[in-house]
């Protein structure tokens, strides 16, 4: 039997910009997008994913580290 991980409380998570793969962001990613899964490029600077609090700026991508605010890429 498979188990499903329990989702973390929202207070334990934070928005992390620039770490989502194309189409894998959690919600609105700037002009021309509406919500989840609408980012156009990998590691798009205005697209975010919810990550465990305290881990965002430690995340490394081929385009740089994650950011707690939108970044220009």
PDB file of N, CA and C in Angstrom:
ATOM      1  N   UNK A   1       0.839  -1.164   0.000  1.00  0.00           N
ATOM      2  CA  UNK A   1       0.000   0.000   0.000  1.00  0.00           C
ATOM      3  C   UNK A   1       0.898   1.246   0.000  1.00  0.00           C
ATOM      4  N   UNK A   2       0.613   2.194  -0.886  1.00  0.00           N
ATOM      5  CA  UNK A   2       1.382   3.432  -0.964  1.00  0.00           C
ATOM      6  C   UNK A   2       0.914   4.397   0.111  1.00  0.00           C
ATOM      7  N   UNK A   3       1.831   5.212   0.576  1.00  0.00           N
ATOM      8  CA  UNK A   3       1.460   6.234   1.544  1.00  0.00           C
ATOM      9  C   UNK A   3       1.598   7.605   0.902  1.00  0.00           C
ATOM     10  N   UNK A   4       0.819   8.526   1.388  1.00  0.00           N
ATOM     11  CA  UNK A   4       0.866   9.894   0.887  1.00  0.00           C
ATOM     12  C   UNK A   4       1.448  10.777   1.967  1.00  0.00           C
ATOM     13  N   UNK A   5       2.467  11.586   1.632  1.00  0.00           N
ATOM     14  CA  UNK A   5       3.033  12.462   2.658  1.00  0.00           C
ATOM     15  C   UNK A   5       2.009  13.496   3.119  1.00  0.00           C
ATOM     16  N   UNK A   6       2.089  13.852   4.369  1.00  0.00           N
ATOM     17  CA  UNK A   6       1.192  14.857   4.922  1.00  0.00           C
ATOM     18  C   UNK A   6       1.736  16.227   4.533  1.00  0.00           C
ATOM     19  N   UNK A   7       0.863  17.095   4.030  1.00  0.00           N
ATOM     20  CA  UNK A   7       1.287  18.436   3.626  1.00  0.00           C
ATOM     21  C   UNK A   7       1.705  19.245   4.844  1.00  0.00           C
ATOM     22  N   UNK A   8       2.739  20.029   4.674  1.00  0.00           N
ATOM     23  CA  UNK A   8       3.200  20.898   5.751  1.00  0.00           C
ATOM     24  C   UNK A   8       2.203  22.037   5.956  1.00  0.00           C
ATOM     25  N   UNK A   9       2.123  22.525   7.175  1.00  0.00           N
ATOM     26  CA  UNK A   9       1.267  23.679   7.447  1.00  0.00           C
ATOM     27  C   UNK A   9       1.776  24.856   6.638  1.00  0.00           C
ATOM     28  N   UNK A  10       0.869  25.736   6.217  1.00  0.00           N
ATOM     29  CA  UNK A  10       1.272  26.859   5.377  1.00  0.00           C
ATOM     30  C   UNK A  10       2.318  27.735   6.062  1.00  0.00           C
ATOM     31  N   UNK A  11       2.333  27.805   7.379  1.00  0.00           N
ATOM     32  CA  UNK A  11       3.329  28.586   8.098  1.00  0.00           C
ATOM     33  C   UNK A  11       4.723  27.998   8.003  1.00  0.00           C
ATOM     34  N   UNK A  12       4.820  26.744   7.581  1.00  0.00           N
ATOM     35  CA  UNK A  12       6.104  26.070   7.450  1.00  0.00           C
ATOM     36  C   UNK A  12       6.654  26.170   6.032  1.00  0.00           C
ATOM     37  N   UNK A  13       5.957  26.904   5.160  1.00  0.00           N
ATOM     38  CA  UNK A  13       6.333  26.996   3.748  1.00  0.00           C
ATOM     39  C   UNK A  13       6.477  28.462   3.358  1.00  0.00           C
ATOM     40  N   UNK A  14       7.210  28.707   2.278  1.00  0.00           N
ATOM     41  CA  UNK A  14       7.348  30.065   1.767  1.00  0.00           C
ATOM     42  C   UNK A  14       7.457  30.029   0.252  1.00  0.00           C
ATOM     43  N   UNK A  15       7.098  31.155  -0.388  1.00  0.00           N
ATOM     44  CA  UNK A  15       7.223  31.262  -1.839  1.00  0.00           C
ATOM     45  C   UNK A  15       8.696  31.379  -2.187  1.00  0.00           C
ATOM     46  N   UNK A  16       9.114  30.611  -3.185  1.00  0.00           N
ATOM     47  CA  UNK A  16      10.497  30.661  -3.651  1.00  0.00           C
ATOM     48  C   UNK A  16      10.477  30.903  -5.159  1.00  0.00           C
ATOM     49  N   UNK A  17      11.012  32.035  -5.580  1.00  0.00           N
ATOM     50  CA  UNK A  17      11.020  32.428  -6.987  1.00  0.00           C
ATOM     51  C   UNK A  17      12.257  31.896  -7.698  1.00  0.00           C
ATOM     52  N   UNK A  18      12.059  31.531  -8.971  1.00  0.00           N
ATOM     53  CA  UNK A  18      13.181  31.142  -9.815  1.00  0.00           C
ATOM     54  C   UNK A  18      13.630  29.703  -9.696  1.00  0.00           C
ATOM     55  N   UNK A  19      12.840  28.843  -9.052  1.00  0.00           N
ATOM     56  CA  UNK A  19      13.251  27.449  -8.887  1.00  0.00           C
ATOM     57  C   UNK A  19      12.343  26.451  -9.603  1.00  0.00           C
ATOM     58  N   UNK A  20      11.223  26.928 -10.136  1.00  0.00           N
ATOM     59  CA  UNK A  20      10.257  26.026 -10.780  1.00  0.00           C
ATOM     60  C   UNK A  20      10.651  25.726 -12.225  1.00  0.00           C
ATOM     61  N   UNK A  21      10.439  24.505 -12.637  1.00  0.00           N
ATOM     62  CA  UNK A  21      10.601  24.131 -14.044  1.00  0.00           C
ATOM     63  C   UNK A  21       9.409  24.685 -14.821  1.00  0.00           C
ATOM     64  N   UNK A  22       9.555  24.824 -16.127  1.00  0.00           N
ATOM     65  CA  UNK A  22       8.471  25.332 -16.978  1.00  0.00           C
ATOM     66  C   UNK A  22       7.202  24.516 -16.746  1.00  0.00           C
ATOM     67  N   UNK A  23       6.100  25.212 -16.507  1.00  0.00           N
ATOM     68  CA  UNK A  23       4.817  24.556 -16.304  1.00  0.00           C
ATOM     69  C   UNK A  23       4.632  23.916 -14.943  1.00  0.00           C
ATOM     70  N   UNK A  24       5.569  24.105 -14.024  1.00  0.00           N
ATOM     71  CA  UNK A  24       5.496  23.461 -12.711  1.00  0.00           C
ATOM     72  C   UNK A  24       5.407  24.457 -11.556  1.00  0.00           C
ATOM     73  N   UNK A  25       5.171  25.745 -11.857  1.00  0.00           N
ATOM     74  CA  UNK A  25       5.050  26.738 -10.789  1.00  0.00           C
ATOM     75  C   UNK A  25       3.747  26.539 -10.014  1.00  0.00           C
ATOM     76  N   UNK A  26       3.695  27.103  -8.808  1.00  0.00           N
ATOM     77  CA  UNK A  26       2.510  26.927  -7.968  1.00  0.00           C
ATOM     78  C   UNK A  26       1.387  27.898  -8.269  1.00  0.00           C
ATOM     79  N   UNK A  27       1.662  29.129  -8.652  1.00  0.00           N
ATOM     80  CA  UNK A  27       0.580  30.042  -9.041  1.00  0.00           C
ATOM     81  C   UNK A  27       1.113  31.178  -9.888  1.00  0.00           C
ATOM     82  N   UNK A  28       0.326  32.243 -10.038  1.00  0.00           N
ATOM     83  CA  UNK A  28       0.604  33.324 -10.992  1.00  0.00           C
ATOM     84  C   UNK A  28       2.092  33.625 -11.148  1.00  0.00           C
ATOM     85  N   UNK A  29       2.514  33.706 -12.394  1.00  0.00           N
ATOM     86  CA  UNK A  29       3.922  33.946 -12.708  1.00  0.00           C
ATOM     87  C   UNK A  29       4.063  35.180 -13.579  1.00  0.00           C
ATOM     88  N   UNK A  30       3.388  36.240 -13.211  1.00  0.00           N
ATOM     89  CA  UNK A  30       3.525  37.496 -13.927  1.00  0.00           C
ATOM     90  C   UNK A  30       2.600  37.631 -15.111  1.00  0.00           C
ATOM     91  N   UNK A  31       2.820  38.679 -15.922  1.00  0.00           N
ATOM     92  CA  UNK A  31       1.964  38.961 -17.075  1.00  0.00           C
ATOM     93  C   UNK A  31       1.866  37.771 -18.029  1.00  0.00           C
ATOM     94  N   UNK A  32       0.665  37.504 -18.500  1.00  0.00           N
ATOM     95  CA  UNK A  32       0.461  36.417 -19.449  1.00  0.00           C
ATOM     96  C   UNK A  32       0.251  35.060 -18.811  1.00  0.00           C
ATOM     97  N   UNK A  33       0.272  34.998 -17.485  1.00  0.00           N
ATOM     98  CA  UNK A  33       0.026  33.732 -16.793  1.00  0.00           C
ATOM     99  C   UNK A  33      -1.108  33.944 -15.806  1.00  0.00           C
ATOM    100  N   UNK A  34      -1.770  32.869 -15.436  1.00  0.00           N
ATOM    101  CA  UNK A  34      -2.890  33.006 -14.527  1.00  0.00           C
ATOM    102  C   UNK A  34      -2.672  32.278 -13.216  1.00  0.00           C
ATOM    103  N   UNK A  35      -2.261  31.046 -13.281  1.00  0.00           N
ATOM    104  CA  UNK A  35      -2.058  30.320 -12.033  1.00  0.00           C
ATOM    105  C   UNK A  35      -1.130  29.132 -12.228  1.00  0.00           C
ATOM    106  N   UNK A  36      -1.289  28.137 -11.401  1.00  0.00           N
ATOM    107  CA  UNK A  36      -0.380  27.001 -11.374  1.00  0.00           C
ATOM    108  C   UNK A  36      -0.126  26.412 -12.752  1.00  0.00           C
ATOM    109  N   UNK A  37       1.132  26.099 -12.999  1.00  0.00           N
ATOM    110  CA  UNK A  37       1.514  25.417 -14.227  1.00  0.00           C
ATOM    111  C   UNK A  37       1.594  26.299 -15.453  1.00  0.00           C
ATOM    112  N   UNK A  38       1.688  27.614 -15.280  1.00  0.00           N
ATOM    113  CA  UNK A  38       1.673  28.505 -16.440  1.00  0.00           C
ATOM    114  C   UNK A  38       3.018  29.155 -16.754  1.00  0.00           C
ATOM    115  N   UNK A  39       4.065  28.840 -16.007  1.00  0.00           N
ATOM    116  CA  UNK A  39       5.368  29.437 -16.327  1.00  0.00           C
ATOM    117  C   UNK A  39       5.847  28.899 -17.670  1.00  0.00           C
ATOM    118  N   UNK A  40       6.520  29.749 -18.418  1.00  0.00           N
ATOM    119  CA  UNK A  40       6.923  29.417 -19.788  1.00  0.00           C
ATOM    120  C   UNK A  40       8.324  28.823 -19.893  1.00  0.00           C
ATOM    121  N   UNK A  41       9.211  29.156 -18.951  1.00  0.00           N
ATOM    122  CA  UNK A  41      10.594  28.683 -19.031  1.00  0.00           C
ATOM    123  C   UNK A  41      11.035  28.092 -17.699  1.00  0.00           C
ATOM    124  N   UNK A  42      12.036  27.241 -17.743  1.00  0.00           N
ATOM    125  CA  UNK A  42      12.621  26.703 -16.518  1.00  0.00           C
ATOM    126  C   UNK A  42      13.236  27.844 -15.711  1.00  0.00           C
ATOM    127  N   UNK A  43      13.028  27.830 -14.420  1.00  0.00           N
ATOM    128  CA  UNK A  43      13.624  28.774 -13.470  1.00  0.00           C
ATOM    129  C   UNK A  43      13.246  30.224 -13.761  1.00  0.00           C
ATOM    130  N   UNK A  44      12.034  30.419 -14.277  1.00  0.00           N
ATOM    131  CA  UNK A  44      11.523  31.760 -14.584  1.00  0.00           C
ATOM    132  C   UNK A  44      11.542  32.606 -13.311  1.00  0.00           C
ATOM    133  N   UNK A  45      12.088  33.796 -13.387  1.00  0.00           N
ATOM    134  CA  UNK A  45      12.310  34.632 -12.209  1.00  0.00           C
ATOM    135  C   UNK A  45      11.070  35.130 -11.496  1.00  0.00           C
ATOM    136  N   UNK A  46       9.929  35.179 -12.190  1.00  0.00           N
ATOM    137  CA  UNK A  46       8.705  35.647 -11.532  1.00  0.00           C
ATOM    138  C   UNK A  46       7.740  34.502 -11.239  1.00  0.00           C
ATOM    139  N   UNK A  47       8.190  33.278 -11.405  1.00  0.00           N
ATOM    140  CA  UNK A  47       7.383  32.088 -11.094  1.00  0.00           C
ATOM    141  C   UNK A  47       7.866  31.514  -9.765  1.00  0.00           C
ATOM    142  N   UNK A  48       6.912  31.102  -8.926  1.00  0.00           N
ATOM    143  CA  UNK A  48       7.309  30.586  -7.621  1.00  0.00           C
ATOM    144  C   UNK A  48       6.722  29.214  -7.324  1.00  0.00           C
ATOM    145  N   UNK A  49       7.356  28.546  -6.368  1.00  0.00           N
ATOM    146  CA  UNK A  49       6.876  27.283  -5.808  1.00  0.00           C
ATOM    147  C   UNK A  49       6.914  27.439  -4.299  1.00  0.00           C
ATOM    148  N   UNK A  50       6.018  26.746  -3.616  1.00  0.00           N
ATOM    149  CA  UNK A  50       6.087  26.718  -2.160  1.00  0.00           C
ATOM    150  C   UNK A  50       7.150  25.710  -1.757  1.00  0.00           C
ATOM    151  N   UNK A  51       8.045  26.129  -0.886  1.00  0.00           N
ATOM    152  CA  UNK A  51       9.122  25.261  -0.402  1.00  0.00           C
ATOM    153  C   UNK A  51       9.170  25.352   1.120  1.00  0.00           C
ATOM    154  N   UNK A  52       9.868  24.429   1.747  1.00  0.00           N
ATOM    155  CA  UNK A  52      10.019  24.469   3.198  1.00  0.00           C
ATOM    156  C   UNK A  52      10.705  25.769   3.606  1.00  0.00           C
ATOM    157  N   UNK A  53      10.180  26.406   4.643  1.00  0.00           N
ATOM    158  CA  UNK A  53      10.728  27.673   5.127  1.00  0.00           C
ATOM    159  C   UNK A  53      12.221  27.510   5.439  1.00  0.00           C
ATOM    160  N   UNK A  54      13.003  28.484   4.992  1.00  0.00           N
ATOM    161  CA  UNK A  54      14.440  28.474   5.258  1.00  0.00           C
ATOM    162  C   UNK A  54      15.279  27.768   4.207  1.00  0.00           C
ATOM    163  N   UNK A  55      14.640  27.169   3.186  1.00  0.00           N
ATOM    164  CA  UNK A  55      15.411  26.431   2.179  1.00  0.00           C
ATOM    165  C   UNK A  55      15.553  27.165   0.853  1.00  0.00           C
ATOM    166  N   UNK A  56      14.722  28.164   0.601  1.00  0.00           N
ATOM    167  CA  UNK A  56      14.666  28.809  -0.714  1.00  0.00           C
ATOM    168  C   UNK A  56      16.017  29.337  -1.184  1.00  0.00           C
ATOM    169  N   UNK A  57      16.634  30.192  -0.400  1.00  0.00           N
ATOM    170  CA  UNK A  57      17.863  30.844  -0.856  1.00  0.00           C
ATOM    171  C   UNK A  57      19.062  29.902  -0.877  1.00  0.00           C
ATOM    172  N   UNK A  58      18.869  28.680  -0.396  1.00  0.00           N
ATOM    173  CA  UNK A  58      19.928  27.669  -0.456  1.00  0.00           C
ATOM    174  C   UNK A  58      19.800  26.798  -1.699  1.00  0.00           C
ATOM    175  N   UNK A  59      18.650  26.892  -2.390  1.00  0.00           N
ATOM    176  CA  UNK A  59      18.409  26.065  -3.574  1.00  0.00           C
ATOM    177  C   UNK A  59      19.245  26.568  -4.746  1.00  0.00           C
ATOM    178  N   UNK A  60      19.967  25.664  -5.394  1.00  0.00           N
ATOM    179  CA  UNK A  60      20.796  25.995  -6.553  1.00  0.00           C
ATOM    180  C   UNK A  60      20.105  25.511  -7.823  1.00  0.00           C
ATOM    181  N   UNK A  61      20.081  26.355  -8.846  1.00  0.00           N
ATOM    182  CA  UNK A  61      19.570  25.968 -10.158  1.00  0.00           C
ATOM    183  C   UNK A  61      20.647  26.316 -11.182  1.00  0.00           C
ATOM    184  N   UNK A  62      20.515  25.857 -12.416  1.00  0.00           N
ATOM    185  CA  UNK A  62      21.487  26.238 -13.445  1.00  0.00           C
ATOM    186  C   UNK A  62      21.524  27.754 -13.695  1.00  0.00           C
ATOM    187  N   UNK A  63      20.493  28.479 -13.236  1.00  0.00           N
ATOM    188  CA  UNK A  63      20.442  29.930 -13.451  1.00  0.00           C
ATOM    189  C   UNK A  63      20.704  30.721 -12.172  1.00  0.00           C
ATOM    190  N   UNK A  64      21.084  30.065 -11.100  1.00  0.00           N
ATOM    191  CA  UNK A  64      21.353  30.752  -9.839  1.00  0.00           C
ATOM    192  C   UNK A  64      20.513  30.204  -8.701  1.00  0.00           C
ATOM    193  N   UNK A  65      20.553  30.904  -7.587  1.00  0.00           N
ATOM    194  CA  UNK A  65      19.829  30.461  -6.391  1.00  0.00           C
ATOM    195  C   UNK A  65      18.385  30.940  -6.393  1.00  0.00           C
ATOM    196  N   UNK A  66      17.569  30.299  -5.557  1.00  0.00           N
ATOM    197  CA  UNK A  66      16.194  30.720  -5.368  1.00  0.00           C
ATOM    198  C   UNK A  66      16.151  32.053  -4.635  1.00  0.00           C
ATOM    199  N   UNK A  67      15.019  32.750  -4.735  1.00  0.00           N
ATOM    200  CA  UNK A  67      14.869  34.070  -4.131  1.00  0.00           C
ATOM    201  C   UNK A  67      13.498  34.181  -3.460  1.00  0.00           C
ATOM    202  N   UNK A  68      13.438  34.938  -2.378  1.00  0.00           N
ATOM    203  CA  UNK A  68      12.172  35.164  -1.683  1.00  0.00           C
ATOM    204  C   UNK A  68      11.345  36.253  -2.359  1.00  0.00           C
ATOM    205  N   UNK A  69      11.913  36.929  -3.348  1.00  0.00           N
ATOM    206  CA  UNK A  69      11.210  37.954  -4.125  1.00  0.00           C
ATOM    207  C   UNK A  69      11.422  37.662  -5.607  1.00  0.00           C
ATOM    208  N   UNK A  70      10.530  38.151  -6.473  1.00  0.00           N
ATOM    209  CA  UNK A  70      10.710  37.926  -7.913  1.00  0.00           C
ATOM    210  C   UNK A  70      12.075  38.449  -8.367  1.00  0.00           C
ATOM    211  N   UNK A  71      12.683  37.731  -9.307  1.00  0.00           N
ATOM    212  CA  UNK A  71      14.000  38.119  -9.811  1.00  0.00           C
ATOM    213  C   UNK A  71      13.966  38.267 -11.325  1.00  0.00           C
ATOM    214  N   UNK A  72      14.821  39.126 -11.842  1.00  0.00           N
ATOM    215  CA  UNK A  72      14.883  39.360 -13.282  1.00  0.00           C
ATOM    216  C   UNK A  72      15.850  38.350 -13.891  1.00  0.00           C
ATOM    217  N   UNK A  73      15.352  37.574 -14.849  1.00  0.00           N
ATOM    218  CA  UNK A  73      16.201  36.589 -15.532  1.00  0.00           C
ATOM    219  C   UNK A  73      15.971  36.666 -17.007  1.00  0.00           C
TER     220      UNK A  73
END
